[in-house]
Amino acid sequence: MDAKLTLSIDSSVISSMKGYASENNSSISSLVENFFKNLISSNNKKANISPLVQELSGIIPATDSDKDDYIDYLEEKYE
C-alpha cells in the first residue's frame, strides 16, 4: 500500500533530480523509494555478521602508540 510522505529539499536539488529522473525514465518518488530500500538492505547486511566474526572483532586492541606510529608513517609518506 502506498502512502504519501512530505519532504523539504532544496529547490535546486529538486530541479536536478527531476532532470535525472526524466533521463532515466523514472520518477523522484521511485528514486527516493529505491534509495530508502537500499539503505534498509545495507543495514540488514551489516547486522548479519557471523557469530565467529563478532567474537573475533576487537580481540587485538589498538594502542595509542599504534595510532601514533601510523600517523607518523602517513605524514612521512605524503610530505
PDB file of N, CA and C in Angstrom:
ATOM      1  N   MET A   1       0.836  -1.175   0.000  1.00  0.00           N
ATOM      2  CA  MET A   1       0.000   0.000   0.000  1.00  0.00           C
ATOM      3  C   MET A   1       0.885   1.244   0.000  1.00  0.00           C
ATOM      4  N   ASP A   2       0.645   2.149  -0.908  1.00  0.00           N
ATOM      5  CA  ASP A   2       1.418   3.382  -0.985  1.00  0.00           C
ATOM      6  C   ASP A   2       0.883   4.410   0.012  1.00  0.00           C
ATOM      7  N   ALA A   3       1.793   5.217   0.535  1.00  0.00           N
ATOM      8  CA  ALA A   3       1.429   6.306   1.431  1.00  0.00           C
ATOM      9  C   ALA A   3       2.200   7.540   1.009  1.00  0.00           C
ATOM     10  N   LYS A   4       1.686   8.704   1.346  1.00  0.00           N
ATOM     11  CA  LYS A   4       2.352   9.954   0.984  1.00  0.00           C
ATOM     12  C   LYS A   4       3.336  10.348   2.059  1.00  0.00           C
ATOM     13  N   LEU A   5       4.423  10.997   1.621  1.00  0.00           N
ATOM     14  CA  LEU A   5       5.461  11.493   2.514  1.00  0.00           C
ATOM     15  C   LEU A   5       5.861  12.875   2.024  1.00  0.00           C
ATOM     16  N   THR A   6       5.905  13.830   2.925  1.00  0.00           N
ATOM     17  CA  THR A   6       6.306  15.188   2.559  1.00  0.00           C
ATOM     18  C   THR A   6       7.746  15.412   2.990  1.00  0.00           C
ATOM     19  N   LEU A   7       8.576  15.853   2.047  1.00  0.00           N
ATOM     20  CA  LEU A   7       9.991  16.122   2.325  1.00  0.00           C
ATOM     21  C   LEU A   7      10.299  17.574   1.994  1.00  0.00           C
ATOM     22  N   SER A   8      11.197  18.157   2.750  1.00  0.00           N
ATOM     23  CA  SER A   8      11.688  19.501   2.439  1.00  0.00           C
ATOM     24  C   SER A   8      13.090  19.368   1.871  1.00  0.00           C
ATOM     25  N   ILE A   9      13.231  19.736   0.598  1.00  0.00           N
ATOM     26  CA  ILE A   9      14.501  19.587  -0.106  1.00  0.00           C
ATOM     27  C   ILE A   9      14.778  20.877  -0.870  1.00  0.00           C
ATOM     28  N   ASP A  10      16.029  21.265  -0.949  1.00  0.00           N
ATOM     29  CA  ASP A  10      16.429  22.466  -1.673  1.00  0.00           C
ATOM     30  C   ASP A  10      15.891  22.417  -3.098  1.00  0.00           C
ATOM     31  N   SER A  11      15.359  23.547  -3.564  1.00  0.00           N
ATOM     32  CA  SER A  11      14.718  23.593  -4.881  1.00  0.00           C
ATOM     33  C   SER A  11      15.672  23.256  -6.020  1.00  0.00           C
ATOM     34  N   SER A  12      16.954  23.610  -5.879  1.00  0.00           N
ATOM     35  CA  SER A  12      17.908  23.278  -6.945  1.00  0.00           C
ATOM     36  C   SER A  12      18.136  21.771  -7.022  1.00  0.00           C
ATOM     37  N   VAL A  13      18.090  21.111  -5.883  1.00  0.00           N
ATOM     38  CA  VAL A  13      18.237  19.646  -5.867  1.00  0.00           C
ATOM     39  C   VAL A  13      17.022  19.007  -6.534  1.00  0.00           C
ATOM     40  N   ILE A  14      15.848  19.548  -6.227  1.00  0.00           N
ATOM     41  CA  ILE A  14      14.628  19.007  -6.831  1.00  0.00           C
ATOM     42  C   ILE A  14      14.684  19.152  -8.350  1.00  0.00           C
ATOM     43  N   SER A  15      15.107  20.307  -8.834  1.00  0.00           N
ATOM     44  CA  SER A  15      15.211  20.518 -10.281  1.00  0.00           C
ATOM     45  C   SER A  15      16.179  19.523 -10.915  1.00  0.00           C
ATOM     46  N   SER A  16      17.315  19.344 -10.276  1.00  0.00           N
ATOM     47  CA  SER A  16      18.307  18.392 -10.796  1.00  0.00           C
ATOM     48  C   SER A  16      17.756  16.979 -10.790  1.00  0.00           C
ATOM     49  N   MET A  17      17.054  16.611  -9.734  1.00  0.00           N
ATOM     50  CA  MET A  17      16.520  15.256  -9.633  1.00  0.00           C
ATOM     51  C   MET A  17      15.392  15.028 -10.636  1.00  0.00           C
ATOM     52  N   LYS A  18      14.612  16.064 -10.936  1.00  0.00           N
ATOM     53  CA  LYS A  18      13.578  15.918 -11.965  1.00  0.00           C
ATOM     54  C   LYS A  18      14.219  15.599 -13.309  1.00  0.00           C
ATOM     55  N   GLY A  19      15.305  16.296 -13.624  1.00  0.00           N
ATOM     56  CA  GLY A  19      16.018  16.018 -14.866  1.00  0.00           C
ATOM     57  C   GLY A  19      16.600  14.615 -14.880  1.00  0.00           C
ATOM     58  N   TYR A  20      17.219  14.226 -13.753  1.00  0.00           N
ATOM     59  CA  TYR A  20      17.803  12.888 -13.652  1.00  0.00           C
ATOM     60  C   TYR A  20      16.722  11.816 -13.796  1.00  0.00           C
ATOM     61  N   ALA A  21      15.600  12.024 -13.117  1.00  0.00           N
ATOM     62  CA  ALA A  21      14.516  11.045 -13.183  1.00  0.00           C
ATOM     63  C   ALA A  21      13.991  10.926 -14.610  1.00  0.00           C
ATOM     64  N   SER A  22      13.822  12.058 -15.277  1.00  0.00           N
ATOM     65  CA  SER A  22      13.329  12.053 -16.650  1.00  0.00           C
ATOM     66  C   SER A  22      14.289  11.320 -17.581  1.00  0.00           C
ATOM     67  N   GLU A  23      15.582  11.588 -17.433  1.00  0.00           N
ATOM     68  CA  GLU A  23      16.587  10.931 -18.275  1.00  0.00           C
ATOM     69  C   GLU A  23      16.613   9.419 -18.059  1.00  0.00           C
ATOM     70  N   ASN A  24      16.212   8.981 -16.870  1.00  0.00           N
ATOM     71  CA  ASN A  24      16.253   7.561 -16.531  1.00  0.00           C
ATOM     72  C   ASN A  24      14.870   6.923 -16.513  1.00  0.00           C
ATOM     73  N   ASN A  25      13.915   7.588 -17.175  1.00  0.00           N
ATOM     74  CA  ASN A  25      12.537   7.067 -17.257  1.00  0.00           C
ATOM     75  C   ASN A  25      12.011   6.635 -15.890  1.00  0.00           C
ATOM     76  N   SER A  26      12.156   7.516 -14.936  1.00  0.00           N
ATOM     77  CA  SER A  26      11.748   7.210 -13.573  1.00  0.00           C
ATOM     78  C   SER A  26      11.038   8.428 -12.993  1.00  0.00           C
ATOM     79  N   SER A  27      10.723   8.356 -11.722  1.00  0.00           N
ATOM     80  CA  SER A  27      10.140   9.491 -11.017  1.00  0.00           C
ATOM     81  C   SER A  27      10.943   9.741  -9.751  1.00  0.00           C
ATOM     82  N   ILE A  28      10.803  10.932  -9.212  1.00  0.00           N
ATOM     83  CA  ILE A  28      11.507  11.235  -7.968  1.00  0.00           C
ATOM     84  C   ILE A  28      11.022  10.298  -6.862  1.00  0.00           C
ATOM     85  N   SER A  29       9.732  10.018  -6.843  1.00  0.00           N
ATOM     86  CA  SER A  29       9.190   9.113  -5.816  1.00  0.00           C
ATOM     87  C   SER A  29       9.844   7.742  -5.873  1.00  0.00           C
ATOM     88  N   SER A  30       9.994   7.195  -7.078  1.00  0.00           N
ATOM     89  CA  SER A  30      10.608   5.868  -7.184  1.00  0.00           C
ATOM     90  C   SER A  30      12.090   5.912  -6.841  1.00  0.00           C
ATOM     91  N   LEU A  31      12.764   7.033  -7.177  1.00  0.00           N
ATOM     92  CA  LEU A  31      14.179   7.168  -6.813  1.00  0.00           C
ATOM     93  C   LEU A  31      14.346   7.202  -5.291  1.00  0.00           C
ATOM     94  N   VAL A  32      13.498   7.977  -4.626  1.00  0.00           N
ATOM     95  CA  VAL A  32      13.562   8.067  -3.165  1.00  0.00           C
ATOM     96  C   VAL A  32      13.230   6.716  -2.535  1.00  0.00           C
ATOM     97  N   GLU A  33      12.200   6.057  -3.051  1.00  0.00           N
ATOM     98  CA  GLU A  33      11.823   4.748  -2.522  1.00  0.00           C
ATOM     99  C   GLU A  33      12.967   3.739  -2.673  1.00  0.00           C
ATOM    100  N   ASN A  34      13.590   3.718  -3.850  1.00  0.00           N
ATOM    101  CA  ASN A  34      14.712   2.797  -4.069  1.00  0.00           C
ATOM    102  C   ASN A  34      15.897   3.134  -3.169  1.00  0.00           C
ATOM    103  N   PHE A  35      16.142   4.433  -2.955  1.00  0.00           N
ATOM    104  CA  PHE A  35      17.212   4.852  -2.059  1.00  0.00           C
ATOM    105  C   PHE A  35      16.961   4.323  -0.650  1.00  0.00           C
ATOM    106  N   PHE A  36      15.736   4.501  -0.158  1.00  0.00           N
ATOM    107  CA  PHE A  36      15.405   4.008   1.180  1.00  0.00           C
ATOM    108  C   PHE A  36      15.515   2.488   1.262  1.00  0.00           C
ATOM    109  N   LYS A  37      15.069   1.798   0.227  1.00  0.00           N
ATOM    110  CA  LYS A  37      15.181   0.333   0.212  1.00  0.00           C
ATOM    111  C   LYS A  37      16.641  -0.107   0.291  1.00  0.00           C
ATOM    112  N   ASN A  38      17.512   0.598  -0.449  1.00  0.00           N
ATOM    113  CA  ASN A  38      18.940   0.271  -0.406  1.00  0.00           C
ATOM    114  C   ASN A  38      19.531   0.527   0.969  1.00  0.00           C
ATOM    115  N   LEU A  39      19.112   1.612   1.617  1.00  0.00           N
ATOM    116  CA  LEU A  39      19.589   1.886   2.977  1.00  0.00           C
ATOM    117  C   LEU A  39      19.202   0.772   3.926  1.00  0.00           C
ATOM    118  N   ILE A  40      17.942   0.361   3.841  1.00  0.00           N
ATOM    119  CA  ILE A  40      17.457  -0.703   4.713  1.00  0.00           C
ATOM    120  C   ILE A  40      18.203  -1.995   4.437  1.00  0.00           C
ATOM    121  N   SER A  41      18.406  -2.296   3.167  1.00  0.00           N
ATOM    122  CA  SER A  41      19.108  -3.517   2.778  1.00  0.00           C
ATOM    123  C   SER A  41      20.549  -3.493   3.274  1.00  0.00           C
ATOM    124  N   SER A  42      21.223  -2.346   3.149  1.00  0.00           N
ATOM    125  CA  SER A  42      22.610  -2.219   3.600  1.00  0.00           C
ATOM    126  C   SER A  42      22.715  -2.437   5.095  1.00  0.00           C
ATOM    127  N   ASN A  43      21.789  -1.864   5.846  1.00  0.00           N
ATOM    128  CA  ASN A  43      21.817  -2.010   7.297  1.00  0.00           C
ATOM    129  C   ASN A  43      21.566  -3.451   7.710  1.00  0.00           C
ATOM    130  N   ASN A  44      20.699  -4.146   6.993  1.00  0.00           N
ATOM    131  CA  ASN A  44      20.430  -5.548   7.322  1.00  0.00           C
ATOM    132  C   ASN A  44      21.640  -6.423   7.031  1.00  0.00           C
ATOM    133  N   LYS A  45      22.375  -6.103   5.971  1.00  0.00           N
ATOM    134  CA  LYS A  45      23.564  -6.888   5.639  1.00  0.00           C
ATOM    135  C   LYS A  45      24.633  -6.725   6.712  1.00  0.00           C
ATOM    136  N   LYS A  46      24.773  -5.497   7.224  1.00  0.00           N
ATOM    137  CA  LYS A  46      25.755  -5.245   8.268  1.00  0.00           C
ATOM    138  C   LYS A  46      25.393  -5.998   9.544  1.00  0.00           C
ATOM    139  N   ALA A  47      24.108  -6.145   9.796  1.00  0.00           N
ATOM    140  CA  ALA A  47      23.657  -6.794  11.021  1.00  0.00           C
ATOM    141  C   ALA A  47      23.850  -8.308  10.962  1.00  0.00           C
ATOM    142  N   ASN A  48      24.022  -8.858   9.769  1.00  0.00           N
ATOM    143  CA  ASN A  48      24.153 -10.300   9.618  1.00  0.00           C
ATOM    144  C   ASN A  48      25.614 -10.739   9.625  1.00  0.00           C
ATOM    145  N   ILE A  49      26.347 -10.334  10.628  1.00  0.00           N
ATOM    146  CA  ILE A  49      27.741 -10.740  10.778  1.00  0.00           C
ATOM    147  C   ILE A  49      27.752 -12.063  11.531  1.00  0.00           C
ATOM    148  N   SER A  50      28.551 -12.986  11.044  1.00  0.00           N
ATOM    149  CA  SER A  50      28.560 -14.305  11.658  1.00  0.00           C
ATOM    150  C   SER A  50      29.039 -14.220  13.114  1.00  0.00           C
ATOM    151  N   PRO A  51      28.585 -15.143  13.954  1.00  0.00           N
ATOM    152  CA  PRO A  51      28.990 -15.139  15.359  1.00  0.00           C
ATOM    153  C   PRO A  51      30.502 -15.225  15.544  1.00  0.00           C
ATOM    154  N   LEU A  52      31.190 -15.968  14.676  1.00  0.00           N
ATOM    155  CA  LEU A  52      32.637 -16.091  14.782  1.00  0.00           C
ATOM    156  C   LEU A  52      33.312 -14.745  14.561  1.00  0.00           C
ATOM    157  N   VAL A  53      32.872 -14.011  13.534  1.00  0.00           N
ATOM    158  CA  VAL A  53      33.455 -12.702  13.262  1.00  0.00           C
ATOM    159  C   VAL A  53      33.159 -11.753  14.413  1.00  0.00           C
ATOM    160  N   GLN A  54      31.952 -11.802  14.943  1.00  0.00           N
ATOM    161  CA  GLN A  54      31.611 -10.953  16.084  1.00  0.00           C
ATOM    162  C   GLN A  54      32.497 -11.272  17.282  1.00  0.00           C
ATOM    163  N   GLU A  55      32.766 -12.540  17.481  1.00  0.00           N
ATOM    164  CA  GLU A  55      33.597 -12.955  18.610  1.00  0.00           C
ATOM    165  C   GLU A  55      35.035 -12.474  18.436  1.00  0.00           C
ATOM    166  N   LEU A  56      35.534 -12.487  17.197  1.00  0.00           N
ATOM    167  CA  LEU A  56      36.922 -12.116  16.945  1.00  0.00           C
ATOM    168  C   LEU A  56      37.119 -10.605  16.834  1.00  0.00           C
ATOM    169  N   SER A  57      36.057  -9.876  16.575  1.00  0.00           N
ATOM    170  CA  SER A  57      36.173  -8.420  16.419  1.00  0.00           C
ATOM    171  C   SER A  57      36.689  -7.786  17.697  1.00  0.00           C
ATOM    172  N   GLY A  58      37.745  -6.992  17.545  1.00  0.00           N
ATOM    173  CA  GLY A  58      38.298  -6.285  18.686  1.00  0.00           C
ATOM    174  C   GLY A  58      39.173  -7.131  19.586  1.00  0.00           C
ATOM    175  N   ILE A  59      39.546  -8.329  19.160  1.00  0.00           N
ATOM    176  CA  ILE A  59      40.341  -9.219  20.001  1.00  0.00           C
ATOM    177  C   ILE A  59      41.766  -8.697  20.181  1.00  0.00           C
ATOM    178  N   ILE A  60      42.251  -7.936  19.180  1.00  0.00           N
ATOM    179  CA  ILE A  60      43.583  -7.342  19.278  1.00  0.00           C
ATOM    180  C   ILE A  60      43.387  -5.835  19.441  1.00  0.00           C
ATOM    181  N   PRO A  61      43.485  -5.348  20.649  1.00  0.00           N
ATOM    182  CA  PRO A  61      43.234  -3.924  20.865  1.00  0.00           C
ATOM    183  C   PRO A  61      44.359  -3.057  20.286  1.00  0.00           C
ATOM    184  N   ALA A  62      43.967  -1.956  19.685  1.00  0.00           N
ATOM    185  CA  ALA A  62      44.945  -0.995  19.174  1.00  0.00           C
ATOM    186  C   ALA A  62      45.336  -0.066  20.312  1.00  0.00           C
ATOM    187  N   THR A  63      46.601   0.235  20.390  1.00  0.00           N
ATOM    188  CA  THR A  63      47.071   1.160  21.418  1.00  0.00           C
ATOM    189  C   THR A  63      47.259   2.539  20.810  1.00  0.00           C
ATOM    190  N   ASP A  64      47.392   3.531  21.663  1.00  0.00           N
ATOM    191  CA  ASP A  64      47.617   4.889  21.176  1.00  0.00           C
ATOM    192  C   ASP A  64      48.929   4.980  20.401  1.00  0.00           C
ATOM    193  N   SER A  65      49.936   4.216  20.833  1.00  0.00           N
ATOM    194  CA  SER A  65      51.220   4.271  20.131  1.00  0.00           C
ATOM    195  C   SER A  65      51.092   3.686  18.726  1.00  0.00           C
ATOM    196  N   ASP A  66      50.215   2.671  18.544  1.00  0.00           N
ATOM    197  CA  ASP A  66      49.980   2.129  17.203  1.00  0.00           C
ATOM    198  C   ASP A  66      49.392   3.205  16.299  1.00  0.00           C
ATOM    199  N   LYS A  67      48.440   3.959  16.824  1.00  0.00           N
ATOM    200  CA  LYS A  67      47.822   5.030  16.044  1.00  0.00           C
ATOM    201  C   LYS A  67      48.845   6.111  15.736  1.00  0.00           C
ATOM    202  N   ASP A  68      49.663   6.470  16.728  1.00  0.00           N
ATOM    203  CA  ASP A  68      50.683   7.493  16.523  1.00  0.00           C
ATOM    204  C   ASP A  68      51.694   7.054  15.469  1.00  0.00           C
ATOM    205  N   ASP A  69      52.098   5.784  15.522  1.00  0.00           N
ATOM    206  CA  ASP A  69      53.040   5.260  14.543  1.00  0.00           C
ATOM    207  C   ASP A  69      52.457   5.336  13.133  1.00  0.00           C
ATOM    208  N   TYR A  70      51.174   5.007  13.005  1.00  0.00           N
ATOM    209  CA  TYR A  70      50.536   5.031  11.701  1.00  0.00           C
ATOM    210  C   TYR A  70      50.423   6.466  11.190  1.00  0.00           C
ATOM    211  N   ILE A  71      50.085   7.379  12.067  1.00  0.00           N
ATOM    212  CA  ILE A  71      50.011   8.796  11.682  1.00  0.00           C
ATOM    213  C   ILE A  71      51.379   9.293  11.228  1.00  0.00           C
ATOM    214  N   ASP A  72      52.422   8.927  11.973  1.00  0.00           N
ATOM    215  CA  ASP A  72      53.784   9.313  11.579  1.00  0.00           C
ATOM    216  C   ASP A  72      54.137   8.750  10.210  1.00  0.00           C
ATOM    217  N   TYR A  73      53.775   7.502   9.979  1.00  0.00           N
ATOM    218  CA  TYR A  73      54.035   6.861   8.688  1.00  0.00           C
ATOM    219  C   TYR A  73      53.350   7.621   7.559  1.00  0.00           C
ATOM    220  N   LEU A  74      52.074   7.976   7.756  1.00  0.00           N
ATOM    221  CA  LEU A  74      51.333   8.690   6.722  1.00  0.00           C
ATOM    222  C   LEU A  74      51.907  10.075   6.477  1.00  0.00           C
ATOM    223  N   GLU A  75      52.292  10.758   7.543  1.00  0.00           N
ATOM    224  CA  GLU A  75      52.882  12.091   7.383  1.00  0.00           C
ATOM    225  C   GLU A  75      54.161  12.038   6.587  1.00  0.00           C
ATOM    226  N   GLU A  76      55.016  11.029   6.857  1.00  0.00           N
ATOM    227  CA  GLU A  76      56.257  10.890   6.111  1.00  0.00           C
ATOM    228  C   GLU A  76      55.979  10.523   4.654  1.00  0.00           C
ATOM    229  N   LYS A  77      55.009   9.660   4.448  1.00  0.00           N
ATOM    230  CA  LYS A  77      54.702   9.201   3.101  1.00  0.00           C
ATOM    231  C   LYS A  77      54.198  10.328   2.219  1.00  0.00           C
ATOM    232  N   TYR A  78      53.402  11.221   2.774  1.00  0.00           N
ATOM    233  CA  TYR A  78      52.765  12.265   1.961  1.00  0.00           C
ATOM    234  C   TYR A  78      53.366  13.648   2.137  1.00  0.00           C
ATOM    235  N   GLU A  79      54.632  13.728   2.590  1.00  0.00           N
ATOM    236  CA  GLU A  79      55.306  15.027   2.691  1.00  0.00           C
ATOM    237  C   GLU A  79      55.658  15.568   1.343  1.00  0.00           C
TER     238      GLU A  79
END
